[in-house]
Protein backbone atom coordinates (compact mmCIF):
# COMPACT_ATOMS: atom_id res chain seq x y z
CA UNK A 1 165.49 116.67 -31.56
CA UNK A 2 162.97 118.78 -29.22
CA UNK A 3 161.19 115.26 -28.88
CA UNK A 4 164.33 113.76 -27.42
CA UNK A 5 164.69 116.13 -25.08
CA UNK A 6 161.68 115.95 -23.97
CA UNK A 7 161.41 111.90 -23.87
CA UNK A 8 164.76 112.33 -21.73
CA UNK A 9 163.42 115.04 -19.25
CA UNK A 10 160.47 112.62 -18.74
CA UNK A 11 162.56 109.09 -18.46
CA UNK A 12 164.51 111.20 -16.22
CA UNK A 13 161.64 112.85 -14.05
CA UNK A 14 160.60 109.70 -13.73
CA UNK A 15 163.44 107.82 -13.04
CA UNK A 16 164.39 110.05 -9.54
CA UNK A 17 160.51 109.94 -9.37
CA UNK A 18 160.87 106.20 -9.08
CA UNK A 19 164.02 106.40 -6.61
CA UNK A 20 162.55 109.06 -4.54
CA UNK A 21 159.67 106.26 -3.73
CA UNK A 22 162.13 103.21 -3.00
CA UNK A 23 164.03 105.68 -0.37
CA UNK A 24 160.52 106.35 1.33
CA UNK A 25 159.89 102.93 1.66
CA UNK A 26 163.74 102.32 3.34
CA UNK A 27 163.02 105.57 5.51
CA UNK A 28 166.50 106.49 3.57
CA UNK A 29 164.37 109.95 3.99
CA UNK A 30 167.94 112.11 2.95
CA UNK A 31 168.24 110.09 -0.10
CA UNK A 32 164.89 110.47 -1.13
CA UNK A 33 165.04 114.42 -0.53
CA UNK A 34 167.72 114.81 -3.35
CA UNK A 35 165.50 111.97 -5.91
CA UNK A 36 162.62 114.19 -4.94
CA UNK A 37 164.39 117.82 -5.46
CA UNK A 38 166.36 116.02 -8.59
CA UNK A 39 162.57 115.32 -10.22
CA UNK A 40 161.19 118.89 -9.05
CA UNK A 41 164.12 120.27 -11.53
CA UNK A 42 162.26 118.43 -14.01
CA UNK A 43 159.03 118.90 -13.17
CA UNK A 44 158.66 121.90 -10.62
CA UNK A 45 155.30 121.23 -9.92
CA UNK A 46 154.73 117.11 -9.62
CA UNK A 47 152.22 116.54 -6.54
CA UNK A 48 153.46 112.87 -6.05
CA UNK A 49 157.27 114.36 -5.65
CA UNK A 50 156.44 117.36 -3.44
CA UNK A 51 154.12 114.85 -1.09
CA UNK A 52 157.26 113.03 -0.75
CA UNK A 53 159.27 115.97 -0.09
CA UNK A 54 156.98 116.99 2.76
CA UNK A 55 156.97 113.45 4.16
CA UNK A 56 160.73 114.10 4.36
CA UNK A 57 160.45 116.84 6.66
CA UNK A 58 157.57 115.81 8.44
CA UNK A 59 159.56 112.25 9.14
CA UNK A 60 162.62 115.18 10.31
CA UNK A 61 160.77 117.03 12.22
CA UNK A 62 161.00 120.15 10.57
CA UNK A 63 157.24 120.53 10.34
CA UNK A 64 156.78 124.21 8.87
CA UNK A 65 158.90 122.80 5.49
CA UNK A 66 156.88 119.66 5.45
CA UNK A 67 153.54 122.16 5.88
CA UNK A 68 155.22 124.53 2.53
CA UNK A 69 155.11 121.15 0.70
CA UNK A 70 151.51 120.11 1.71
CA UNK A 71 150.05 123.66 0.99
CA UNK A 72 151.57 123.21 -2.23
CA UNK A 73 150.27 120.06 -2.99
CA UNK A 74 146.55 121.16 -2.14
CA UNK A 75 147.60 124.18 -4.44
CA UNK A 76 147.90 121.86 -7.13
CA UNK A 77 144.91 119.27 -5.95
CA UNK A 78 142.80 120.64 -3.45
CA UNK A 79 141.05 117.37 -3.12
CA UNK A 80 144.53 115.44 -1.66
CA UNK A 81 142.94 114.11 1.27
CA UNK A 82 146.70 112.63 2.50
CA UNK A 83 148.51 115.99 2.04
CA UNK A 84 145.32 117.48 4.51
CA UNK A 85 146.47 114.28 6.69
CA UNK A 86 149.54 115.33 6.24
CA UNK A 87 149.13 118.92 7.17
CA UNK A 88 147.08 118.04 10.54
CA UNK A 89 149.87 116.07 11.36
CA UNK A 90 152.42 118.30 11.27
CA UNK A 91 150.21 121.53 12.92
CA UNK A 92 149.75 118.81 16.14
CA UNK A 93 153.24 118.70 16.39
CA UNK A 94 153.93 122.24 16.10
CA UNK A 95 151.00 122.41 19.15
CA UNK A 96 152.50 119.85 20.65
């Protein structure tokens, strides 16, 4: 049924999102980004996964990619102070 399909999507999203958090805390940015990308298939506008993926890009020094993710987070939630701080960090790194 469509209810079962929706529940399945929600569970898959939650699993991928939680995996991303674990990998981020372990410093495994490659697996974190892949988990975020997988979760974003189910919810492309998820603020948390976009933020975590931005953190991966920042850790790798991919500042423009990180800024894109943080900008999307701020479009979804203009009051996200953590995204504002991360974006400032990226801009400082680009100027350095």
